[in-house]
Amino acid sequence: MRVARFAGEDDPRFGVVGEEDGAPMIAVLKGDPLYAGFELTGEKVPLADVRLLAPVIPRSKVACVGKNYAAHAAEMGGDVPAEPLVFLKPNTSVIGPGEPIVYPRQSRDVHFEGELAVVIGRICRDVAPEDAHKVIFGYTVANDVTARDLQAADGQWARAKGFDSFCPLGPWIETNLDTADLRVRTTLNGETRQDATTADMVFDVPAVVAHISSFMTLLPGDVLLTGTPEGVGPMEVGDSVGVTISGIGSLINQVVSHD
């Protein structure tokens, strides 16, 4: 099931994406399905008539794993960590499909990082890997935008990863997905820059959920980013960045100037 958050003439609403007579449609839901469940209103709207928003605004945090693909760790000049390397992005960094990534004045080297995102569906702590599926609401596409020069200069990643617009999510949440071997592909102005599979993750999704929940409580709507494959690189103002994950869809954003 694909769950979208969208805007039309009214306030943001949620719906289930499907087809009717061959045309993409959204069946509108009553409230936020993370809290209200899947109750349909009976209303349907054409997908082409709405603007897709970030499918979830994390209530508390975006928790991310770094260097979770060996080839990416190598291209960054480091080794694979012995356990997941975790950092946080603020929820104010989240934007949706088609929204602009704002190039900050403080940086001269902003990079794309396409990756799989996990959306938590229930409050949890100390989740065993074999129970991870019980606390996951679904999956979406993410771009862990990073100011690489600030990451190196600061010695920690809060500023480099945390600018407004540095966490595009979308286009929707897929609630039923096997994440063992998904193709993750990132393009810059239509040219492929990253092309790998989640089978190459050092720590798979259950391991990521278990590790992060071992030291922090996860809340419904929290988002976990699972790491990026090799091939990261710089974006410039005017560039279009697309991240596509098999079984979910594509997330496309354009880079704009701060001024």
C-alpha atoms as a PDB file:
ATOM      1  CA  MET A   1       0.000   0.000   0.000  1.00  0.00           C
ATOM      2  CA  ARG A   2       1.261   3.452  -0.930  1.00  0.00           C
ATOM      3  CA  VAL A   3       0.354   6.200   1.524  1.00  0.00           C
ATOM      4  CA  ALA A   4       0.727   9.786   0.343  1.00  0.00           C
ATOM      5  CA  ARG A   5       0.430  13.123   2.059  1.00  0.00           C
ATOM      6  CA  PHE A   6      -0.856  15.748  -0.317  1.00  0.00           C
ATOM      7  CA  ALA A   7      -2.203  19.248  -0.699  1.00  0.00           C
ATOM      8  CA  GLY A   8      -5.041  20.394  -2.887  1.00  0.00           C
ATOM      9  CA  GLU A   9      -7.363  23.264  -2.130  1.00  0.00           C
ATOM     10  CA  ASP A  10      -7.593  22.206   1.532  1.00  0.00           C
ATOM     11  CA  ASP A  11      -5.092  21.597   4.315  1.00  0.00           C
ATOM     12  CA  PRO A  12      -2.707  18.649   3.891  1.00  0.00           C
ATOM     13  CA  ARG A  13      -4.450  15.290   3.827  1.00  0.00           C
ATOM     14  CA  PHE A  14      -3.471  11.639   3.554  1.00  0.00           C
ATOM     15  CA  GLY A  15      -4.572   9.068   1.032  1.00  0.00           C
ATOM     16  CA  VAL A  16      -3.855   5.692  -0.542  1.00  0.00           C
ATOM     17  CA  VAL A  17      -2.363   5.846  -4.034  1.00  0.00           C
ATOM     18  CA  GLY A  18      -3.858   3.504  -6.619  1.00  0.00           C
ATOM     19  CA  GLU A  19      -5.490   3.453 -10.028  1.00  0.00           C
ATOM     20  CA  GLU A  20      -9.009   3.765 -11.354  1.00  0.00           C
ATOM     21  CA  ASP A  21      -9.694   3.058 -15.021  1.00  0.00           C
ATOM     22  CA  GLY A  22      -5.963   3.225 -15.646  1.00  0.00           C
ATOM     23  CA  ALA A  23      -5.548   6.698 -14.124  1.00  0.00           C
ATOM     24  CA  PRO A  24      -3.531   7.276 -10.918  1.00  0.00           C
ATOM     25  CA  MET A  25      -5.880   8.219  -8.080  1.00  0.00           C
ATOM     26  CA  ILE A  26      -5.706   8.951  -4.358  1.00  0.00           C
ATOM     27  CA  ALA A  27      -8.352   7.472  -2.071  1.00  0.00           C
ATOM     28  CA  VAL A  28      -8.589  10.019   0.749  1.00  0.00           C
ATOM     29  CA  LEU A  29      -8.160   8.857   4.361  1.00  0.00           C
ATOM     30  CA  LYS A  30      -9.702  10.235   7.532  1.00  0.00           C
ATOM     31  CA  GLY A  31      -6.791  11.772   9.452  1.00  0.00           C
ATOM     32  CA  ASP A  32      -3.193  10.633   9.733  1.00  0.00           C
ATOM     33  CA  PRO A  33      -2.975   6.829   9.285  1.00  0.00           C
ATOM     34  CA  LEU A  34      -0.087   6.670  11.750  1.00  0.00           C
ATOM     35  CA  TYR A  35      -2.586   7.565  14.442  1.00  0.00           C
ATOM     36  CA  ALA A  36      -6.087   7.153  12.983  1.00  0.00           C
ATOM     37  CA  GLY A  37      -5.597   3.938  11.018  1.00  0.00           C
ATOM     38  CA  PHE A  38      -6.808   3.347   7.466  1.00  0.00           C
ATOM     39  CA  GLU A  39     -10.343   4.654   7.324  1.00  0.00           C
ATOM     40  CA  LEU A  40     -11.433   5.876   3.892  1.00  0.00           C
ATOM     41  CA  THR A  41     -13.642   8.926   3.440  1.00  0.00           C
ATOM     42  CA  GLY A  42     -15.030   7.660   0.145  1.00  0.00           C
ATOM     43  CA  GLU A  43     -13.530  10.620  -1.720  1.00  0.00           C
ATOM     44  CA  LYS A  44     -11.110  10.061  -4.578  1.00  0.00           C
ATOM     45  CA  VAL A  45      -8.961  12.664  -6.310  1.00  0.00           C
ATOM     46  CA  PRO A  46      -6.742  12.357  -9.381  1.00  0.00           C
ATOM     47  CA  LEU A  47      -3.075  12.223  -8.483  1.00  0.00           C
ATOM     48  CA  ALA A  48      -2.394  14.761 -11.227  1.00  0.00           C
ATOM     49  CA  ASP A  49      -4.600  17.328  -9.468  1.00  0.00           C
ATOM     50  CA  VAL A  50      -2.696  17.424  -6.171  1.00  0.00           C
ATOM     51  CA  ARG A  51       0.753  18.376  -4.937  1.00  0.00           C
ATOM     52  CA  LEU A  52       2.582  15.637  -3.090  1.00  0.00           C
ATOM     53  CA  LEU A  53       4.151  16.680   0.209  1.00  0.00           C
ATOM     54  CA  ALA A  54       6.732  14.985   2.395  1.00  0.00           C
ATOM     55  CA  PRO A  55       4.849  11.780   3.283  1.00  0.00           C
ATOM     56  CA  VAL A  56       5.675  12.227   6.959  1.00  0.00           C
ATOM     57  CA  ILE A  57       6.909  15.070   9.152  1.00  0.00           C
ATOM     58  CA  PRO A  58       8.842  13.343  11.934  1.00  0.00           C
ATOM     59  CA  ARG A  59       7.333  14.164  15.314  1.00  0.00           C
ATOM     60  CA  SER A  60      10.731  14.169  17.005  1.00  0.00           C
ATOM     61  CA  LYS A  61      13.719  13.170  14.856  1.00  0.00           C
ATOM     62  CA  VAL A  62      15.387  11.793  11.781  1.00  0.00           C
ATOM     63  CA  ALA A  63      18.005   9.271  12.914  1.00  0.00           C
ATOM     64  CA  CYS A  64      20.569   8.351  10.276  1.00  0.00           C
ATOM     65  CA  VAL A  65      23.272   5.746   9.750  1.00  0.00           C
ATOM     66  CA  GLY A  66      26.565   6.743   8.146  1.00  0.00           C
ATOM     67  CA  LYS A  67      29.043   4.583   6.235  1.00  0.00           C
ATOM     68  CA  ASN A  68      26.598   1.690   5.890  1.00  0.00           C
ATOM     69  CA  TYR A  69      27.909   0.668   2.456  1.00  0.00           C
ATOM     70  CA  ALA A  70      31.531  -0.485   2.352  1.00  0.00           C
ATOM     71  CA  ALA A  71      32.225   1.161  -1.014  1.00  0.00           C
ATOM     72  CA  HIS A  72      30.918   4.513   0.245  1.00  0.00           C
ATOM     73  CA  ALA A  73      33.028   4.253   3.408  1.00  0.00           C
ATOM     74  CA  ALA A  74      36.040   3.634   1.189  1.00  0.00           C
ATOM     75  CA  GLU A  75      35.299   6.597  -1.111  1.00  0.00           C
ATOM     76  CA  MET A  76      35.098   8.808   1.982  1.00  0.00           C
ATOM     77  CA  GLY A  77      38.510   7.551   3.101  1.00  0.00           C
ATOM     78  CA  GLY A  78      37.322   5.547   6.087  1.00  0.00           C
ATOM     79  CA  ASP A  79      36.650   2.025   7.263  1.00  0.00           C
ATOM     80  CA  VAL A  80      33.300   0.400   7.898  1.00  0.00           C
ATOM     81  CA  PRO A  81      32.377   0.984  11.562  1.00  0.00           C
ATOM     82  CA  ALA A  82      32.074  -1.964  13.914  1.00  0.00           C
ATOM     83  CA  GLU A  83      28.505  -0.957  14.711  1.00  0.00           C
ATOM     84  CA  PRO A  84      26.098   1.498  13.049  1.00  0.00           C
ATOM     85  CA  LEU A  85      27.375   5.071  13.095  1.00  0.00           C
ATOM     86  CA  VAL A  86      24.369   7.190  14.066  1.00  0.00           C
ATOM     87  CA  PHE A  87      23.732  10.911  13.683  1.00  0.00           C
ATOM     88  CA  LEU A  88      20.595  13.069  13.734  1.00  0.00           C
ATOM     89  CA  LYS A  89      18.921  15.485  11.347  1.00  0.00           C
ATOM     90  CA  PRO A  90      16.275  17.881  12.691  1.00  0.00           C
ATOM     91  CA  ASN A  91      12.704  17.489  11.501  1.00  0.00           C
ATOM     92  CA  THR A  92      12.937  21.038  10.142  1.00  0.00           C
ATOM     93  CA  SER A  93      15.289  19.695   7.454  1.00  0.00           C
ATOM     94  CA  VAL A  94      12.455  17.668   5.867  1.00  0.00           C
ATOM     95  CA  ILE A  95      10.945  18.731   2.545  1.00  0.00           C
ATOM     96  CA  GLY A  96       8.809  16.893   0.016  1.00  0.00           C
ATOM     97  CA  PRO A  97       8.944  15.963  -3.667  1.00  0.00           C
ATOM     98  CA  GLY A  98       9.491  18.923  -5.963  1.00  0.00           C
ATOM     99  CA  GLU A  99      10.395  21.280  -3.138  1.00  0.00           C
ATOM    100  CA  PRO A 100      13.711  23.124  -3.512  1.00  0.00           C
ATOM    101  CA  ILE A 101      16.940  22.160  -1.805  1.00  0.00           C
ATOM    102  CA  VAL A 102      18.376  25.498  -0.675  1.00  0.00           C
ATOM    103  CA  TYR A 103      22.123  25.864  -1.137  1.00  0.00           C
ATOM    104  CA  PRO A 104      23.333  27.517   2.092  1.00  0.00           C
ATOM    105  CA  ARG A 105      25.562  30.578   2.089  1.00  0.00           C
ATOM    106  CA  GLN A 106      27.956  28.890   4.522  1.00  0.00           C
ATOM    107  CA  SER A 107      28.958  26.068   2.157  1.00  0.00           C
ATOM    108  CA  ARG A 108      30.750  25.657  -1.158  1.00  0.00           C
ATOM    109  CA  ASP A 109      30.460  21.865  -1.411  1.00  0.00           C
ATOM    110  CA  VAL A 110      26.937  20.428  -1.029  1.00  0.00           C
ATOM    111  CA  HIS A 111      26.476  16.750  -1.897  1.00  0.00           C
ATOM    112  CA  PHE A 112      23.571  14.419  -2.662  1.00  0.00           C
ATOM    113  CA  GLU A 113      23.206  11.077  -0.860  1.00  0.00           C
ATOM    114  CA  GLY A 114      20.339   8.888  -2.042  1.00  0.00           C
ATOM    115  CA  GLU A 115      19.077   6.283   0.402  1.00  0.00           C
ATOM    116  CA  LEU A 116      16.257   4.167   1.757  1.00  0.00           C
ATOM    117  CA  ALA A 117      14.249   5.656   4.630  1.00  0.00           C
ATOM    118  CA  VAL A 118      12.304   3.724   7.271  1.00  0.00           C
ATOM    119  CA  VAL A 119       9.188   5.235   8.861  1.00  0.00           C
ATOM    120  CA  ILE A 120       8.465   4.079  12.409  1.00  0.00           C
ATOM    121  CA  GLY A 121       4.846   3.215  13.154  1.00  0.00           C
ATOM    122  CA  ARG A 122       4.702   2.770  16.923  1.00  0.00           C
ATOM    123  CA  ILE A 123       6.499   3.858  20.070  1.00  0.00           C
ATOM    124  CA  CYS A 124       9.297   1.408  20.777  1.00  0.00           C
ATOM    125  CA  ARG A 125      12.557   0.816  22.597  1.00  0.00           C
ATOM    126  CA  ASP A 126      15.042  -2.091  22.610  1.00  0.00           C
ATOM    127  CA  VAL A 127      13.573  -3.745  19.533  1.00  0.00           C
ATOM    128  CA  ALA A 128      15.085  -7.112  18.633  1.00  0.00           C
ATOM    129  CA  PRO A 129      16.083  -7.454  14.961  1.00  0.00           C
ATOM    130  CA  GLU A 130      13.526 -10.191  14.427  1.00  0.00           C
ATOM    131  CA  ASP A 131      10.794  -7.876  15.731  1.00  0.00           C
ATOM    132  CA  ALA A 132      11.745  -4.815  13.660  1.00  0.00           C
ATOM    133  CA  HIS A 133       8.926  -5.406  11.180  1.00  0.00           C
ATOM    134  CA  LYS A 134       6.407  -4.987  14.005  1.00  0.00           C
ATOM    135  CA  VAL A 135       7.377  -1.341  14.587  1.00  0.00           C
ATOM    136  CA  ILE A 136       7.871  -0.250  10.960  1.00  0.00           C
ATOM    137  CA  PHE A 137       5.020   1.602   9.266  1.00  0.00           C
ATOM    138  CA  GLY A 138       6.694   1.631   5.868  1.00  0.00           C
ATOM    139  CA  TYR A 139       9.465   2.913   3.645  1.00  0.00           C
ATOM    140  CA  THR A 140      10.165   5.960   1.523  1.00  0.00           C
ATOM    141  CA  VAL A 141      12.966   7.560  -0.505  1.00  0.00           C
ATOM    142  CA  ALA A 142      15.408  10.037   1.030  1.00  0.00           C
ATOM    143  CA  ASN A 143      18.225  12.354   0.029  1.00  0.00           C
ATOM    144  CA  ASP A 144      20.612  12.943   2.928  1.00  0.00           C
ATOM    145  CA  VAL A 145      21.916  16.282   1.644  1.00  0.00           C
ATOM    146  CA  THR A 146      25.288  17.148   3.169  1.00  0.00           C
ATOM    147  CA  ALA A 147      27.523  20.209   3.228  1.00  0.00           C
ATOM    148  CA  ARG A 148      30.732  18.245   2.857  1.00  0.00           C
ATOM    149  CA  ASP A 149      33.104  21.121   3.606  1.00  0.00           C
ATOM    150  CA  LEU A 150      31.287  21.924   6.866  1.00  0.00           C
ATOM    151  CA  GLN A 151      31.274  18.261   7.804  1.00  0.00           C
ATOM    152  CA  ALA A 152      35.063  18.244   7.562  1.00  0.00           C
ATOM    153  CA  ALA A 153      35.550  21.637   9.206  1.00  0.00           C
ATOM    154  CA  ASP A 154      33.245  21.102  12.198  1.00  0.00           C
ATOM    155  CA  GLY A 155      34.431  17.645  13.160  1.00  0.00           C
ATOM    156  CA  GLN A 156      30.817  16.659  13.810  1.00  0.00           C
ATOM    157  CA  TRP A 157      27.841  16.570  11.490  1.00  0.00           C
ATOM    158  CA  ALA A 158      24.992  18.587  13.025  1.00  0.00           C
ATOM    159  CA  ARG A 159      25.413  21.684  10.877  1.00  0.00           C
ATOM    160  CA  ALA A 160      26.529  19.870   7.723  1.00  0.00           C
ATOM    161  CA  LYS A 161      23.462  17.623   7.764  1.00  0.00           C
ATOM    162  CA  GLY A 162      20.930  19.859   9.469  1.00  0.00           C
ATOM    163  CA  PHE A 163      20.172  22.837   7.230  1.00  0.00           C
ATOM    164  CA  ASP A 164      16.540  23.471   6.331  1.00  0.00           C
ATOM    165  CA  SER A 165      15.683  21.474   3.157  1.00  0.00           C
ATOM    166  CA  PHE A 166      18.542  18.975   3.675  1.00  0.00           C
ATOM    167  CA  CYS A 167      16.223  15.956   4.075  1.00  0.00           C
ATOM    168  CA  PRO A 168      13.953  15.491   1.056  1.00  0.00           C
ATOM    169  CA  LEU A 169      11.499  12.602   1.536  1.00  0.00           C
ATOM    170  CA  GLY A 170       8.945  11.063  -0.814  1.00  0.00           C
ATOM    171  CA  PRO A 171       7.077  10.546  -2.976  1.00  0.00           C
ATOM    172  CA  TRP A 172       4.991   8.376  -0.595  1.00  0.00           C
ATOM    173  CA  ILE A 173       5.324   5.608   1.977  1.00  0.00           C
ATOM    174  CA  GLU A 174       5.247   2.001   0.779  1.00  0.00           C
ATOM    175  CA  THR A 175       3.918  -0.112   3.643  1.00  0.00           C
ATOM    176  CA  ASN A 176       4.625  -3.574   2.200  1.00  0.00           C
ATOM    177  CA  LEU A 177       8.169  -4.025   0.951  1.00  0.00           C
ATOM    178  CA  ASP A 178      11.015  -6.520   1.165  1.00  0.00           C
ATOM    179  CA  THR A 179      14.110  -4.352   1.693  1.00  0.00           C
ATOM    180  CA  ALA A 180      16.703  -7.113   1.266  1.00  0.00           C
ATOM    181  CA  ASP A 181      17.633  -6.248  -2.327  1.00  0.00           C
ATOM    182  CA  LEU A 182      16.282  -2.915  -3.573  1.00  0.00           C
ATOM    183  CA  ARG A 183      17.977  -0.922  -6.307  1.00  0.00           C
ATOM    184  CA  VAL A 184      19.000   2.575  -5.159  1.00  0.00           C
ATOM    185  CA  ARG A 185      19.764   4.945  -8.030  1.00  0.00           C
ATOM    186  CA  THR A 186      20.600   8.659  -7.903  1.00  0.00           C
ATOM    187  CA  THR A 187      20.748  10.915 -10.947  1.00  0.00           C
ATOM    188  CA  LEU A 188      22.100  14.437 -11.361  1.00  0.00           C
ATOM    189  CA  ASN A 189      20.457  16.257 -14.263  1.00  0.00           C
ATOM    190  CA  GLY A 190      19.438  12.871 -15.651  1.00  0.00           C
ATOM    191  CA  GLU A 191      22.923  11.311 -15.413  1.00  0.00           C
ATOM    192  CA  THR A 192      23.346   8.318 -13.111  1.00  0.00           C
ATOM    193  CA  ARG A 193      25.713   8.974 -10.216  1.00  0.00           C
ATOM    194  CA  GLN A 194      24.758   6.260  -7.705  1.00  0.00           C
ATOM    195  CA  ASP A 195      23.530   2.775  -8.607  1.00  0.00           C
ATOM    196  CA  ALA A 196      23.614   0.040  -5.998  1.00  0.00           C
ATOM    197  CA  THR A 197      21.423  -2.310  -4.008  1.00  0.00           C
ATOM    198  CA  THR A 198      20.389  -2.481  -0.370  1.00  0.00           C
ATOM    199  CA  ALA A 199      21.854  -5.989  -0.380  1.00  0.00           C
ATOM    200  CA  ASP A 200      25.208  -4.198  -0.060  1.00  0.00           C
ATOM    201  CA  MET A 201      24.286  -2.632   3.297  1.00  0.00           C
ATOM    202  CA  VAL A 202      26.684  -3.523   6.091  1.00  0.00           C
ATOM    203  CA  PHE A 203      23.818  -3.357   8.605  1.00  0.00           C
ATOM    204  CA  ASP A 204      20.409  -4.268   7.201  1.00  0.00           C
ATOM    205  CA  VAL A 205      17.125  -2.600   8.158  1.00  0.00           C
ATOM    206  CA  PRO A 206      16.355  -4.865  11.150  1.00  0.00           C
ATOM    207  CA  ALA A 207      19.876  -4.294  12.503  1.00  0.00           C
ATOM    208  CA  VAL A 208      19.516  -0.525  12.090  1.00  0.00           C
ATOM    209  CA  VAL A 209      16.171  -0.450  13.910  1.00  0.00           C
ATOM    210  CA  ALA A 210      17.540  -2.643  16.706  1.00  0.00           C
ATOM    211  CA  HIS A 211      20.678  -0.554  17.194  1.00  0.00           C
ATOM    212  CA  ILE A 212      19.041   2.862  17.196  1.00  0.00           C
ATOM    213  CA  SER A 213      16.207   1.724  19.469  1.00  0.00           C
ATOM    214  CA  SER A 214      18.768   0.300  21.901  1.00  0.00           C
ATOM    215  CA  PHE A 215      19.662   3.801  23.089  1.00  0.00           C
ATOM    216  CA  MET A 216      16.745   6.061  22.135  1.00  0.00           C
ATOM    217  CA  THR A 217      12.991   5.692  22.148  1.00  0.00           C
ATOM    218  CA  LEU A 218      11.488   5.786  18.678  1.00  0.00           C
ATOM    219  CA  LEU A 219       8.126   7.472  18.176  1.00  0.00           C
ATOM    220  CA  PRO A 220       5.458   7.064  15.491  1.00  0.00           C
ATOM    221  CA  GLY A 221       6.534   9.109  12.483  1.00  0.00           C
ATOM    222  CA  ASP A 222      10.234   9.076  13.301  1.00  0.00           C
ATOM    223  CA  VAL A 223      12.343   8.427  10.215  1.00  0.00           C
ATOM    224  CA  LEU A 224      15.513   6.336   9.995  1.00  0.00           C
ATOM    225  CA  LEU A 225      17.904   6.861   7.077  1.00  0.00           C
ATOM    226  CA  THR A 226      19.850   3.702   6.313  1.00  0.00           C
ATOM    227  CA  GLY A 227      22.975   5.014   4.599  1.00  0.00           C
ATOM    228  CA  THR A 228      24.047   5.859   1.067  1.00  0.00           C
ATOM    229  CA  PRO A 229      25.943   3.847  -1.563  1.00  0.00           C
ATOM    230  CA  GLU A 230      29.113   4.997  -3.290  1.00  0.00           C
ATOM    231  CA  GLY A 231      28.985   7.723  -5.919  1.00  0.00           C
ATOM    232  CA  VAL A 232      28.075  10.745  -3.803  1.00  0.00           C
ATOM    233  CA  GLY A 233      29.056  14.060  -5.295  1.00  0.00           C
ATOM    234  CA  PRO A 234      28.454  17.800  -5.466  1.00  0.00           C
ATOM    235  CA  MET A 235      25.287  19.578  -6.539  1.00  0.00           C
ATOM    236  CA  GLU A 236      25.138  23.108  -7.858  1.00  0.00           C
ATOM    237  CA  VAL A 237      22.399  25.717  -8.003  1.00  0.00           C
ATOM    238  CA  GLY A 238      20.078  24.818 -10.877  1.00  0.00           C
ATOM    239  CA  ASP A 239      20.785  21.084 -10.711  1.00  0.00           C
ATOM    240  CA  SER A 240      17.982  18.530 -10.559  1.00  0.00           C
ATOM    241  CA  VAL A 241      18.600  15.542  -8.283  1.00  0.00           C
ATOM    242  CA  GLY A 242      16.539  12.378  -8.512  1.00  0.00           C
ATOM    243  CA  VAL A 243      16.620   9.363  -6.200  1.00  0.00           C
ATOM    244  CA  THR A 244      14.760   6.223  -7.277  1.00  0.00           C
ATOM    245  CA  ILE A 245      14.290   3.065  -5.200  1.00  0.00           C
ATOM    246  CA  SER A 246      12.704  -0.018  -6.710  1.00  0.00           C
ATOM    247  CA  GLY A 247       9.347  -0.848  -5.202  1.00  0.00           C
ATOM    248  CA  ILE A 248       8.798   2.711  -3.981  1.00  0.00           C
ATOM    249  CA  GLY A 249       9.311   5.357  -6.664  1.00  0.00           C
ATOM    250  CA  SER A 250      11.263   8.511  -7.438  1.00  0.00           C
ATOM    251  CA  LEU A 251      12.030  11.643  -5.447  1.00  0.00           C
ATOM    252  CA  ILE A 252      13.098  14.676  -7.480  1.00  0.00           C
ATOM    253  CA  ASN A 253      14.252  18.051  -6.138  1.00  0.00           C
ATOM    254  CA  GLN A 254      15.994  21.062  -7.659  1.00  0.00           C
ATOM    255  CA  VAL A 255      18.817  22.999  -6.021  1.00  0.00           C
ATOM    256  CA  VAL A 256      18.212  26.740  -5.613  1.00  0.00           C
ATOM    257  CA  SER A 257      20.220  29.641  -4.257  1.00  0.00           C
ATOM    258  CA  HIS A 258      19.632  30.901  -0.743  1.00  0.00           C
ATOM    259  CA  ASP A 259      19.402  34.461  -2.041  1.00  0.00           C
END
